[in-house]
Amino acid sequence: MIPWARRLLPRNAAGSLSTSSASQQAEDHHRQLEAYRYFLPIQTRWQDNDQYGHVNNAVYYSYFDTIINHYLLRYCGLETSLLISPLVGFMVTNQCKYHTPIGFPQVPLAALAVEKVGRSSVCYRLALFPPKPTMELPSVNHHDLIDGFFFGHPKLAQFDTLACTTGSSVHVFVNPATSKPESLPEDFRNSLQKLMSAA
């Protein structure tokens, strides 16, 4: 929770939001750029802003959905046509934590890691990193938007190393005809395991 927001809560509510040191350490780790393996610049839009001039809280979920599905389509071979796809991903849980705001026309960097690959499910860890305050707008090109980039890429230097937003999601992949969980193909699983986070 943003420190100033805690002061707005009633005294007993603020106390109930305290976290254990282990969960705080995990959250601190999830805010670090090095906790992620795949990155995609996101162009914010004027309509993303709310009346306070910040990206509205619900919009962050669409940014996270974009990077997940971008990776699945580009690197895992996910088919989007129900007529030919052997798998359909159902999002069964989503969570987002907001640390600092961003707004249009910033170009933040969405980040993706995989925490666990099950028989038919995938647990994702997500974050959004703002551009470094010293820069106007990050220099991204067509290839960055088509391919994204992986940890170690020089363009990561244009972005802050501390996430403004973190989140997690779980996909369960099902057979589109039966809506029952379906085992992930080996090549699909291998592509996801390349994004396994370090902790």
N, C-alpha and C. Protein backbone atom coordinates (compact mmCIF):
# COMPACT_ATOMS: atom_id res chain seq x y z
N MET A 1 0.84 -1.18 0.00
CA MET A 1 0.00 0.00 0.00
C MET A 1 0.88 1.23 0.00
N ILE A 2 0.46 2.27 -0.69
CA ILE A 2 1.19 3.52 -0.73
C ILE A 2 1.20 4.11 0.69
N PRO A 3 2.38 4.53 1.22
CA PRO A 3 2.46 4.99 2.60
C PRO A 3 1.45 6.09 2.95
N TRP A 4 1.26 7.09 2.07
CA TRP A 4 0.33 8.17 2.41
C TRP A 4 -1.11 7.67 2.47
N ALA A 5 -1.44 6.61 1.71
CA ALA A 5 -2.81 6.09 1.71
C ALA A 5 -3.13 5.43 3.04
N ARG A 6 -2.14 4.82 3.68
CA ARG A 6 -2.34 4.18 4.98
C ARG A 6 -2.84 5.19 6.02
N ARG A 7 -2.36 6.44 5.93
CA ARG A 7 -2.77 7.46 6.90
C ARG A 7 -4.23 7.83 6.77
N LEU A 8 -4.84 7.57 5.62
CA LEU A 8 -6.25 7.92 5.39
C LEU A 8 -7.20 6.90 6.00
N LEU A 9 -6.70 5.72 6.32
CA LEU A 9 -7.55 4.67 6.87
C LEU A 9 -7.83 4.89 8.34
N PRO A 10 -8.98 4.38 8.83
CA PRO A 10 -9.20 4.41 10.28
C PRO A 10 -8.07 3.69 11.00
N ARG A 11 -7.78 4.08 12.23
CA ARG A 11 -6.64 3.55 12.97
C ARG A 11 -6.63 2.02 13.02
N ASN A 12 -7.76 1.38 13.30
CA ASN A 12 -7.78 -0.08 13.40
C ASN A 12 -7.63 -0.75 12.04
N ALA A 13 -8.08 -0.11 10.96
CA ALA A 13 -7.94 -0.70 9.63
C ALA A 13 -6.48 -0.68 9.19
N ALA A 14 -5.78 0.39 9.49
CA ALA A 14 -4.36 0.47 9.11
C ALA A 14 -3.56 -0.61 9.81
N GLY A 15 -3.88 -0.90 11.08
CA GLY A 15 -3.16 -1.94 11.81
C GLY A 15 -3.40 -3.31 11.24
N SER A 16 -4.61 -3.56 10.74
CA SER A 16 -4.91 -4.89 10.21
C SER A 16 -4.25 -5.14 8.86
N LEU A 17 -3.73 -4.06 8.23
CA LEU A 17 -3.07 -4.23 6.94
C LEU A 17 -1.58 -4.52 7.08
N SER A 18 -1.06 -4.56 8.29
CA SER A 18 0.37 -4.82 8.45
C SER A 18 0.70 -6.23 7.95
N THR A 19 1.86 -6.35 7.35
CA THR A 19 2.26 -7.63 6.77
C THR A 19 3.44 -8.20 7.52
N SER A 20 3.62 -9.49 7.41
CA SER A 20 4.77 -10.13 8.04
C SER A 20 6.03 -9.74 7.29
N SER A 21 7.16 -9.89 7.94
CA SER A 21 8.41 -9.52 7.28
C SER A 21 8.68 -10.41 6.07
N ALA A 22 8.25 -11.67 6.11
CA ALA A 22 8.46 -12.57 4.96
C ALA A 22 7.66 -12.11 3.76
N SER A 23 6.41 -11.73 3.97
CA SER A 23 5.60 -11.28 2.84
C SER A 23 6.08 -9.93 2.33
N GLN A 24 6.60 -9.09 3.22
CA GLN A 24 7.15 -7.81 2.79
C GLN A 24 8.42 -8.03 1.97
N GLN A 25 9.25 -8.98 2.37
CA GLN A 25 10.46 -9.29 1.59
C GLN A 25 10.09 -9.82 0.21
N ALA A 26 9.05 -10.66 0.14
CA ALA A 26 8.60 -11.18 -1.16
C ALA A 26 8.11 -10.03 -2.03
N GLU A 27 7.34 -9.13 -1.46
CA GLU A 27 6.83 -7.99 -2.24
C GLU A 27 7.97 -7.10 -2.70
N ASP A 28 8.95 -6.87 -1.82
CA ASP A 28 10.12 -6.07 -2.21
C ASP A 28 10.85 -6.73 -3.38
N HIS A 29 10.97 -8.05 -3.35
CA HIS A 29 11.61 -8.77 -4.46
C HIS A 29 10.81 -8.62 -5.74
N HIS A 30 9.49 -8.71 -5.64
CA HIS A 30 8.63 -8.63 -6.83
C HIS A 30 8.65 -7.24 -7.46
N ARG A 31 9.10 -6.25 -6.72
CA ARG A 31 9.19 -4.89 -7.27
C ARG A 31 10.50 -4.66 -8.03
N GLN A 32 11.42 -5.62 -7.98
CA GLN A 32 12.73 -5.46 -8.61
C GLN A 32 12.72 -5.94 -10.06
N LEU A 33 13.35 -5.18 -10.94
CA LEU A 33 13.41 -5.53 -12.36
C LEU A 33 14.03 -6.90 -12.58
N GLU A 34 15.02 -7.26 -11.79
CA GLU A 34 15.73 -8.52 -11.99
C GLU A 34 14.88 -9.75 -11.66
N ALA A 35 13.70 -9.56 -11.09
CA ALA A 35 12.81 -10.68 -10.77
C ALA A 35 12.04 -11.17 -11.99
N TYR A 36 12.19 -10.48 -13.13
CA TYR A 36 11.40 -10.78 -14.32
C TYR A 36 12.30 -11.17 -15.50
N ARG A 37 11.72 -11.88 -16.44
CA ARG A 37 12.51 -12.40 -17.55
C ARG A 37 12.09 -11.85 -18.91
N TYR A 38 10.85 -11.40 -19.05
CA TYR A 38 10.36 -10.93 -20.35
C TYR A 38 9.70 -9.58 -20.18
N PHE A 39 9.89 -8.68 -21.16
CA PHE A 39 9.45 -7.30 -21.04
C PHE A 39 8.81 -6.82 -22.34
N LEU A 40 7.81 -5.96 -22.18
CA LEU A 40 7.09 -5.41 -23.34
C LEU A 40 6.71 -3.97 -23.04
N PRO A 41 7.19 -3.00 -23.86
CA PRO A 41 6.75 -1.61 -23.65
C PRO A 41 5.24 -1.50 -23.90
N ILE A 42 4.59 -0.69 -23.10
CA ILE A 42 3.15 -0.47 -23.22
C ILE A 42 2.90 1.02 -23.48
N GLN A 43 2.25 1.32 -24.58
CA GLN A 43 1.88 2.71 -24.85
C GLN A 43 0.57 3.02 -24.13
N THR A 44 0.65 3.90 -23.15
CA THR A 44 -0.58 4.31 -22.49
C THR A 44 -1.42 5.14 -23.46
N ARG A 45 -2.71 5.22 -23.18
CA ARG A 45 -3.64 5.96 -24.03
C ARG A 45 -4.33 7.03 -23.20
N TRP A 46 -4.79 8.09 -23.84
CA TRP A 46 -5.50 9.15 -23.16
C TRP A 46 -6.67 8.59 -22.36
N GLN A 47 -7.39 7.63 -22.93
CA GLN A 47 -8.56 7.05 -22.26
C GLN A 47 -8.19 6.22 -21.03
N ASP A 48 -6.90 5.88 -20.87
CA ASP A 48 -6.48 5.10 -19.70
C ASP A 48 -6.53 5.93 -18.41
N ASN A 49 -6.41 7.25 -18.55
CA ASN A 49 -6.37 8.12 -17.38
C ASN A 49 -7.76 8.28 -16.75
N ASP A 50 -7.77 8.41 -15.44
CA ASP A 50 -9.02 8.73 -14.76
C ASP A 50 -9.07 10.24 -14.49
N GLN A 51 -10.06 10.69 -13.74
CA GLN A 51 -10.23 12.13 -13.52
C GLN A 51 -9.10 12.75 -12.71
N TYR A 52 -8.27 11.90 -12.07
CA TYR A 52 -7.15 12.41 -11.29
C TYR A 52 -5.86 12.51 -12.10
N GLY A 53 -5.94 12.16 -13.39
CA GLY A 53 -4.77 12.24 -14.24
C GLY A 53 -3.84 11.05 -14.13
N HIS A 54 -4.30 9.96 -13.50
CA HIS A 54 -3.53 8.72 -13.37
C HIS A 54 -4.19 7.64 -14.18
N VAL A 55 -3.41 6.63 -14.56
CA VAL A 55 -4.00 5.45 -15.19
C VAL A 55 -4.96 4.83 -14.17
N ASN A 56 -6.20 4.56 -14.62
CA ASN A 56 -7.21 3.99 -13.74
C ASN A 56 -6.81 2.59 -13.30
N ASN A 57 -7.15 2.23 -12.06
CA ASN A 57 -6.68 0.96 -11.50
C ASN A 57 -7.09 -0.25 -12.34
N ALA A 58 -8.26 -0.25 -12.95
CA ALA A 58 -8.70 -1.40 -13.74
C ALA A 58 -7.87 -1.59 -15.01
N VAL A 59 -7.28 -0.51 -15.51
CA VAL A 59 -6.53 -0.57 -16.77
C VAL A 59 -5.25 -1.39 -16.62
N TYR A 60 -4.68 -1.40 -15.42
CA TYR A 60 -3.45 -2.17 -15.21
C TYR A 60 -3.66 -3.65 -15.54
N TYR A 61 -4.86 -4.16 -15.27
CA TYR A 61 -5.14 -5.55 -15.58
C TYR A 61 -5.07 -5.80 -17.09
N SER A 62 -5.48 -4.82 -17.89
CA SER A 62 -5.39 -4.99 -19.34
C SER A 62 -3.93 -4.96 -19.80
N TYR A 63 -3.08 -4.16 -19.15
CA TYR A 63 -1.65 -4.17 -19.48
C TYR A 63 -1.05 -5.55 -19.17
N PHE A 64 -1.41 -6.10 -18.01
CA PHE A 64 -0.89 -7.41 -17.64
C PHE A 64 -1.42 -8.50 -18.57
N ASP A 65 -2.68 -8.42 -18.93
CA ASP A 65 -3.26 -9.37 -19.88
C ASP A 65 -2.55 -9.29 -21.23
N THR A 66 -2.18 -8.08 -21.62
CA THR A 66 -1.48 -7.88 -22.90
C THR A 66 -0.13 -8.58 -22.91
N ILE A 67 0.68 -8.41 -21.87
CA ILE A 67 2.01 -9.03 -21.90
C ILE A 67 1.91 -10.55 -21.81
N ILE A 68 0.98 -11.07 -21.01
CA ILE A 68 0.83 -12.53 -20.92
C ILE A 68 0.48 -13.11 -22.28
N ASN A 69 -0.56 -12.56 -22.90
CA ASN A 69 -1.00 -13.12 -24.18
C ASN A 69 -0.03 -12.84 -25.32
N HIS A 70 0.68 -11.73 -25.22
CA HIS A 70 1.72 -11.45 -26.22
C HIS A 70 2.78 -12.55 -26.18
N TYR A 71 3.23 -12.91 -24.99
CA TYR A 71 4.24 -13.97 -24.88
C TYR A 71 3.68 -15.31 -25.35
N LEU A 72 2.46 -15.62 -24.95
CA LEU A 72 1.85 -16.91 -25.34
C LEU A 72 1.72 -17.02 -26.86
N LEU A 73 1.33 -15.94 -27.52
CA LEU A 73 1.17 -15.96 -28.97
C LEU A 73 2.52 -15.98 -29.68
N ARG A 74 3.44 -15.11 -29.22
CA ARG A 74 4.72 -14.93 -29.92
C ARG A 74 5.71 -16.06 -29.67
N TYR A 75 5.73 -16.59 -28.43
CA TYR A 75 6.78 -17.55 -28.08
C TYR A 75 6.30 -18.94 -27.70
N CYS A 76 5.01 -19.09 -27.44
CA CYS A 76 4.50 -20.41 -27.06
C CYS A 76 3.64 -21.05 -28.15
N GLY A 77 3.30 -20.28 -29.18
CA GLY A 77 2.52 -20.82 -30.29
C GLY A 77 1.03 -20.95 -30.00
N LEU A 78 0.51 -20.17 -29.04
CA LEU A 78 -0.92 -20.23 -28.75
C LEU A 78 -1.72 -19.79 -29.97
N GLU A 79 -2.71 -20.58 -30.33
CA GLU A 79 -3.62 -20.25 -31.43
C GLU A 79 -4.82 -19.51 -30.84
N THR A 80 -5.28 -18.47 -31.53
CA THR A 80 -6.40 -17.71 -30.99
C THR A 80 -7.74 -18.08 -31.62
N SER A 81 -7.73 -18.87 -32.67
CA SER A 81 -8.99 -19.27 -33.29
C SER A 81 -9.55 -20.50 -32.58
N LEU A 82 -10.77 -20.39 -32.10
CA LEU A 82 -11.40 -21.53 -31.43
C LEU A 82 -11.59 -22.71 -32.38
N LEU A 83 -11.57 -22.45 -33.69
CA LEU A 83 -11.76 -23.53 -34.66
C LEU A 83 -10.55 -24.45 -34.75
N ILE A 84 -9.36 -23.90 -34.46
CA ILE A 84 -8.15 -24.72 -34.62
C ILE A 84 -7.33 -24.87 -33.34
N SER A 85 -7.63 -24.07 -32.32
CA SER A 85 -6.82 -24.10 -31.11
C SER A 85 -7.14 -25.33 -30.25
N PRO A 86 -6.08 -26.08 -29.84
CA PRO A 86 -6.31 -27.21 -28.95
C PRO A 86 -6.40 -26.78 -27.48
N LEU A 87 -6.03 -25.52 -27.20
CA LEU A 87 -6.03 -25.00 -25.83
C LEU A 87 -6.67 -23.63 -25.77
N VAL A 88 -7.37 -23.37 -24.70
CA VAL A 88 -7.88 -22.04 -24.41
C VAL A 88 -7.50 -21.73 -22.96
N GLY A 89 -6.94 -20.55 -22.72
CA GLY A 89 -6.55 -20.17 -21.37
C GLY A 89 -7.67 -19.43 -20.66
N PHE A 90 -8.11 -19.94 -19.53
CA PHE A 90 -9.09 -19.25 -18.68
C PHE A 90 -8.33 -18.62 -17.52
N MET A 91 -8.50 -17.31 -17.34
CA MET A 91 -7.88 -16.63 -16.21
C MET A 91 -8.74 -16.91 -14.99
N VAL A 92 -8.15 -17.55 -13.96
CA VAL A 92 -8.94 -17.94 -12.79
C VAL A 92 -8.67 -17.06 -11.57
N THR A 93 -7.57 -16.32 -11.60
CA THR A 93 -7.31 -15.38 -10.52
C THR A 93 -6.42 -14.26 -11.03
N ASN A 94 -6.65 -13.08 -10.48
CA ASN A 94 -5.90 -11.87 -10.80
C ASN A 94 -5.70 -11.08 -9.53
N GLN A 95 -4.54 -10.47 -9.41
CA GLN A 95 -4.29 -9.61 -8.26
C GLN A 95 -3.35 -8.49 -8.69
N CYS A 96 -3.55 -7.29 -8.14
CA CYS A 96 -2.72 -6.15 -8.49
C CYS A 96 -2.47 -5.31 -7.26
N LYS A 97 -1.22 -4.84 -7.09
CA LYS A 97 -0.86 -3.93 -6.01
C LYS A 97 -0.29 -2.67 -6.64
N TYR A 98 -0.74 -1.53 -6.15
CA TYR A 98 -0.34 -0.25 -6.70
C TYR A 98 0.62 0.44 -5.73
N HIS A 99 1.77 0.83 -6.24
CA HIS A 99 2.79 1.45 -5.40
C HIS A 99 2.94 2.94 -5.71
N THR A 100 3.07 3.29 -6.98
CA THR A 100 3.13 4.69 -7.41
C THR A 100 2.36 4.81 -8.72
N PRO A 101 1.74 5.97 -8.97
CA PRO A 101 0.92 6.11 -10.17
C PRO A 101 1.73 6.39 -11.43
N ILE A 102 1.13 6.08 -12.56
CA ILE A 102 1.63 6.50 -13.87
C ILE A 102 0.46 7.14 -14.61
N GLY A 103 0.75 7.79 -15.72
CA GLY A 103 -0.31 8.42 -16.49
C GLY A 103 0.09 8.61 -17.94
N PHE A 104 -0.89 8.80 -18.78
CA PHE A 104 -0.66 9.13 -20.19
C PHE A 104 0.09 10.46 -20.24
N PRO A 105 1.12 10.60 -21.10
CA PRO A 105 1.56 9.74 -22.19
C PRO A 105 2.80 8.90 -21.88
N GLN A 106 2.97 8.47 -20.65
CA GLN A 106 4.13 7.64 -20.32
C GLN A 106 4.11 6.33 -21.09
N VAL A 107 5.29 5.76 -21.28
CA VAL A 107 5.43 4.43 -21.89
C VAL A 107 6.10 3.53 -20.86
N PRO A 108 5.31 2.89 -19.99
CA PRO A 108 5.89 1.99 -19.00
C PRO A 108 6.29 0.66 -19.63
N LEU A 109 7.01 -0.12 -18.87
CA LEU A 109 7.48 -1.42 -19.32
C LEU A 109 6.78 -2.52 -18.53
N ALA A 110 5.99 -3.33 -19.21
CA ALA A 110 5.35 -4.48 -18.56
C ALA A 110 6.40 -5.59 -18.43
N ALA A 111 6.32 -6.33 -17.33
CA ALA A 111 7.31 -7.38 -17.05
C ALA A 111 6.59 -8.66 -16.66
N LEU A 112 7.16 -9.79 -17.09
CA LEU A 112 6.52 -11.09 -16.88
C LEU A 112 7.54 -12.12 -16.40
N ALA A 113 7.14 -12.88 -15.40
CA ALA A 113 7.89 -14.06 -14.96
C ALA A 113 6.88 -15.16 -14.71
N VAL A 114 7.35 -16.39 -14.70
CA VAL A 114 6.50 -17.53 -14.41
C VAL A 114 6.96 -18.12 -13.09
N GLU A 115 6.04 -18.26 -12.16
CA GLU A 115 6.38 -18.83 -10.85
C GLU A 115 6.20 -20.33 -10.80
N LYS A 116 5.20 -20.84 -11.55
CA LYS A 116 4.94 -22.27 -11.52
C LYS A 116 4.21 -22.69 -12.79
N VAL A 117 4.62 -23.83 -13.33
CA VAL A 117 3.91 -24.44 -14.45
C VAL A 117 3.38 -25.78 -13.98
N GLY A 118 2.07 -25.91 -13.92
CA GLY A 118 1.45 -27.17 -13.51
C GLY A 118 1.10 -28.02 -14.73
N ARG A 119 0.29 -29.04 -14.52
CA ARG A 119 -0.11 -29.90 -15.63
C ARG A 119 -0.92 -29.11 -16.66
N SER A 120 -1.85 -28.28 -16.18
CA SER A 120 -2.68 -27.49 -17.09
C SER A 120 -2.76 -26.02 -16.68
N SER A 121 -1.99 -25.63 -15.68
CA SER A 121 -2.08 -24.26 -15.17
C SER A 121 -0.71 -23.59 -15.17
N VAL A 122 -0.76 -22.25 -15.16
CA VAL A 122 0.46 -21.44 -15.11
C VAL A 122 0.22 -20.30 -14.13
N CYS A 123 1.16 -20.11 -13.20
CA CYS A 123 1.12 -18.98 -12.26
C CYS A 123 2.13 -17.93 -12.75
N TYR A 124 1.63 -16.74 -13.02
CA TYR A 124 2.46 -15.65 -13.52
C TYR A 124 2.72 -14.63 -12.42
N ARG A 125 3.88 -13.99 -12.51
CA ARG A 125 4.21 -12.84 -11.69
C ARG A 125 4.39 -11.68 -12.66
N LEU A 126 3.81 -10.52 -12.35
CA LEU A 126 3.78 -9.39 -13.27
C LEU A 126 4.19 -8.10 -12.58
N ALA A 127 4.67 -7.15 -13.38
CA ALA A 127 5.01 -5.84 -12.84
C ALA A 127 4.97 -4.82 -13.97
N LEU A 128 4.93 -3.57 -13.57
CA LEU A 128 5.00 -2.46 -14.52
C LEU A 128 6.06 -1.50 -14.00
N PHE A 129 7.02 -1.16 -14.88
CA PHE A 129 8.12 -0.28 -14.50
C PHE A 129 8.01 1.03 -15.27
N PRO A 130 8.03 2.16 -14.56
CA PRO A 130 7.94 3.44 -15.24
C PRO A 130 9.26 3.80 -15.92
N PRO A 131 9.20 4.71 -16.90
CA PRO A 131 10.46 5.21 -17.45
C PRO A 131 11.25 5.94 -16.37
N LYS A 132 12.56 5.97 -16.52
CA LYS A 132 13.38 6.74 -15.58
C LYS A 132 12.96 8.20 -15.64
N PRO A 133 12.88 8.86 -14.50
CA PRO A 133 12.37 10.24 -14.48
C PRO A 133 13.23 11.21 -15.29
N THR A 134 14.48 10.86 -15.54
CA THR A 134 15.36 11.76 -16.28
C THR A 134 15.10 11.73 -17.78
N MET A 135 14.29 10.78 -18.24
CA MET A 135 14.06 10.63 -19.67
C MET A 135 12.68 11.14 -20.05
N GLU A 136 12.57 11.68 -21.26
CA GLU A 136 11.28 12.15 -21.77
C GLU A 136 10.36 10.95 -22.01
N LEU A 137 10.64 10.20 -23.04
CA LEU A 137 9.92 8.96 -23.35
C LEU A 137 10.97 7.93 -23.73
N PRO A 138 10.78 6.68 -23.34
CA PRO A 138 11.74 5.65 -23.74
C PRO A 138 11.80 5.51 -25.26
N SER A 139 12.97 5.14 -25.75
CA SER A 139 13.15 4.92 -27.19
C SER A 139 12.80 3.47 -27.51
N VAL A 140 11.59 3.26 -28.03
CA VAL A 140 11.16 1.93 -28.42
C VAL A 140 10.85 1.94 -29.91
N ASN A 141 11.05 0.80 -30.54
CA ASN A 141 10.77 0.73 -31.97
C ASN A 141 9.80 -0.42 -32.27
N HIS A 142 9.53 -0.60 -33.54
CA HIS A 142 8.56 -1.61 -33.99
C HIS A 142 8.93 -3.00 -33.48
N HIS A 143 10.21 -3.35 -33.53
CA HIS A 143 10.65 -4.68 -33.10
C HIS A 143 10.42 -4.90 -31.60
N ASP A 144 10.61 -3.83 -30.81
CA ASP A 144 10.36 -3.94 -29.37
C ASP A 144 8.90 -4.28 -29.09
N LEU A 145 8.01 -3.69 -29.88
CA LEU A 145 6.57 -3.91 -29.69
C LEU A 145 6.12 -5.26 -30.24
N ILE A 146 6.82 -5.77 -31.25
CA ILE A 146 6.46 -7.06 -31.85
C ILE A 146 7.07 -8.22 -31.07
N ASP A 147 8.35 -8.08 -30.71
CA ASP A 147 9.08 -9.19 -30.07
C ASP A 147 9.21 -9.05 -28.56
N GLY A 148 9.06 -7.83 -28.02
CA GLY A 148 9.41 -7.62 -26.63
C GLY A 148 10.91 -7.84 -26.49
N PHE A 149 11.39 -7.97 -25.26
CA PHE A 149 12.79 -8.33 -25.08
C PHE A 149 12.96 -9.02 -23.73
N PHE A 150 14.11 -9.62 -23.57
CA PHE A 150 14.37 -10.48 -22.41
C PHE A 150 15.35 -9.80 -21.46
N PHE A 151 15.44 -10.34 -20.26
CA PHE A 151 16.33 -9.78 -19.24
C PHE A 151 17.75 -9.70 -19.79
N GLY A 152 18.40 -8.58 -19.53
CA GLY A 152 19.75 -8.35 -20.03
C GLY A 152 19.78 -7.42 -21.23
N HIS A 153 18.63 -7.13 -21.83
CA HIS A 153 18.58 -6.26 -23.00
C HIS A 153 18.98 -4.83 -22.60
N PRO A 154 19.77 -4.13 -23.44
CA PRO A 154 20.22 -2.78 -23.07
C PRO A 154 19.09 -1.76 -22.89
N LYS A 155 17.94 -1.98 -23.51
CA LYS A 155 16.85 -1.00 -23.37
C LYS A 155 16.23 -1.00 -21.97
N LEU A 156 16.53 -2.00 -21.17
CA LEU A 156 16.03 -2.01 -19.79
C LEU A 156 16.59 -0.83 -19.01
N ALA A 157 17.74 -0.31 -19.44
CA ALA A 157 18.38 0.82 -18.75
C ALA A 157 17.54 2.10 -18.82
N GLN A 158 16.56 2.15 -19.71
CA GLN A 158 15.70 3.34 -19.85
C GLN A 158 14.59 3.38 -18.80
N PHE A 159 14.43 2.28 -18.05
CA PHE A 159 13.31 2.17 -17.13
C PHE A 159 13.81 2.07 -15.68
N ASP A 160 12.95 2.51 -14.79
CA ASP A 160 13.25 2.42 -13.36
C ASP A 160 13.40 0.95 -12.98
N THR A 161 14.20 0.65 -11.97
CA THR A 161 14.38 -0.74 -11.53
C THR A 161 13.40 -1.11 -10.42
N LEU A 162 12.55 -0.17 -10.02
CA LEU A 162 11.55 -0.42 -8.98
C LEU A 162 10.16 -0.29 -9.60
N ALA A 163 9.37 -1.34 -9.51
CA ALA A 163 8.04 -1.38 -10.14
C ALA A 163 7.08 -0.41 -9.48
N CYS A 164 6.24 0.21 -10.31
CA CYS A 164 5.17 1.06 -9.80
C CYS A 164 3.93 0.24 -9.48
N THR A 165 3.82 -0.93 -10.08
CA THR A 165 2.68 -1.82 -9.88
C THR A 165 3.17 -3.26 -9.98
N THR A 166 2.65 -4.13 -9.13
CA THR A 166 2.97 -5.56 -9.21
C THR A 166 1.66 -6.34 -9.21
N GLY A 167 1.74 -7.55 -9.72
CA GLY A 167 0.54 -8.37 -9.76
C GLY A 167 0.85 -9.83 -9.97
N SER A 168 -0.20 -10.63 -9.95
CA SER A 168 -0.08 -12.05 -10.23
C SER A 168 -1.37 -12.53 -10.88
N SER A 169 -1.24 -13.58 -11.68
CA SER A 169 -2.39 -14.16 -12.37
C SER A 169 -2.18 -15.66 -12.50
N VAL A 170 -3.26 -16.38 -12.64
CA VAL A 170 -3.20 -17.82 -12.90
C VAL A 170 -4.10 -18.15 -14.08
N HIS A 171 -3.52 -18.82 -15.05
CA HIS A 171 -4.26 -19.35 -16.20
C HIS A 171 -4.48 -20.84 -15.99
N VAL A 172 -5.65 -21.33 -16.33
CA VAL A 172 -5.88 -22.76 -16.47
C VAL A 172 -6.24 -22.99 -17.93
N PHE A 173 -5.49 -23.89 -18.57
CA PHE A 173 -5.72 -24.17 -19.98
C PHE A 173 -6.66 -25.35 -20.13
N VAL A 174 -7.67 -25.15 -20.99
CA VAL A 174 -8.72 -26.15 -21.13
C VAL A 174 -8.89 -26.52 -22.59
N ASN A 175 -9.55 -27.65 -22.80
CA ASN A 175 -9.97 -28.06 -24.13
C ASN A 175 -11.16 -27.19 -24.52
N PRO A 176 -11.10 -26.49 -25.68
CA PRO A 176 -12.19 -25.57 -26.03
C PRO A 176 -13.53 -26.27 -26.25
N ALA A 177 -13.51 -27.56 -26.59
CA ALA A 177 -14.76 -28.29 -26.83
C ALA A 177 -15.43 -28.71 -25.53
N THR A 178 -14.62 -29.04 -24.53
CA THR A 178 -15.19 -29.58 -23.28
C THR A 178 -15.08 -28.62 -22.10
N SER A 179 -14.22 -27.59 -22.22
CA SER A 179 -13.91 -26.66 -21.12
C SER A 179 -13.32 -27.38 -19.91
N LYS A 180 -12.71 -28.55 -20.15
CA LYS A 180 -12.04 -29.29 -19.07
C LYS A 180 -10.53 -29.08 -19.18
N PRO A 181 -9.82 -29.06 -18.04
CA PRO A 181 -8.37 -28.84 -18.08
C PRO A 181 -7.67 -29.80 -19.03
N GLU A 182 -6.69 -29.24 -19.74
CA GLU A 182 -5.95 -29.98 -20.76
C GLU A 182 -4.47 -29.90 -20.43
N SER A 183 -3.75 -31.00 -20.55
CA SER A 183 -2.30 -30.99 -20.30
C SER A 183 -1.59 -30.07 -21.30
N LEU A 184 -0.63 -29.31 -20.81
CA LEU A 184 0.13 -28.41 -21.68
C LEU A 184 1.07 -29.21 -22.57
N PRO A 185 1.12 -28.91 -23.86
CA PRO A 185 2.10 -29.57 -24.74
C PRO A 185 3.52 -29.26 -24.28
N GLU A 186 4.43 -30.15 -24.58
CA GLU A 186 5.81 -30.02 -24.08
C GLU A 186 6.48 -28.74 -24.56
N ASP A 187 6.34 -28.38 -25.84
CA ASP A 187 7.00 -27.17 -26.33
C ASP A 187 6.40 -25.91 -25.71
N PHE A 188 5.10 -25.92 -25.48
CA PHE A 188 4.40 -24.83 -24.81
C PHE A 188 4.94 -24.67 -23.38
N ARG A 189 5.03 -25.80 -22.67
CA ARG A 189 5.55 -25.83 -21.30
C ARG A 189 7.00 -25.34 -21.25
N ASN A 190 7.83 -25.79 -22.20
CA ASN A 190 9.24 -25.40 -22.22
C ASN A 190 9.40 -23.90 -22.41
N SER A 191 8.56 -23.31 -23.28
CA SER A 191 8.63 -21.86 -23.51
C SER A 191 8.25 -21.09 -22.26
N LEU A 192 7.29 -21.60 -21.51
CA LEU A 192 6.90 -20.95 -20.26
C LEU A 192 7.99 -21.09 -19.19
N GLN A 193 8.62 -22.25 -19.15
CA GLN A 193 9.65 -22.48 -18.13
C GLN A 193 10.87 -21.59 -18.33
N LYS A 194 11.06 -21.05 -19.53
CA LYS A 194 12.16 -20.11 -19.76
C LYS A 194 11.99 -18.83 -18.95
N LEU A 195 10.76 -18.58 -18.49
CA LEU A 195 10.49 -17.36 -17.72
C LEU A 195 10.40 -17.61 -16.22
N MET A 196 10.83 -18.80 -15.79
CA MET A 196 10.76 -19.10 -14.36
C MET A 196 11.57 -18.07 -13.58
N SER A 197 10.93 -17.50 -12.56
CA SER A 197 11.61 -16.46 -11.77
C SER A 197 12.59 -17.11 -10.79
N ALA A 198 13.53 -16.30 -10.35
CA ALA A 198 14.60 -16.80 -9.50
C ALA A 198 14.14 -17.11 -8.09
N ALA A 199 13.09 -16.47 -7.61
CA ALA A 199 12.66 -16.70 -6.22
C ALA A 199 11.15 -16.68 -6.11
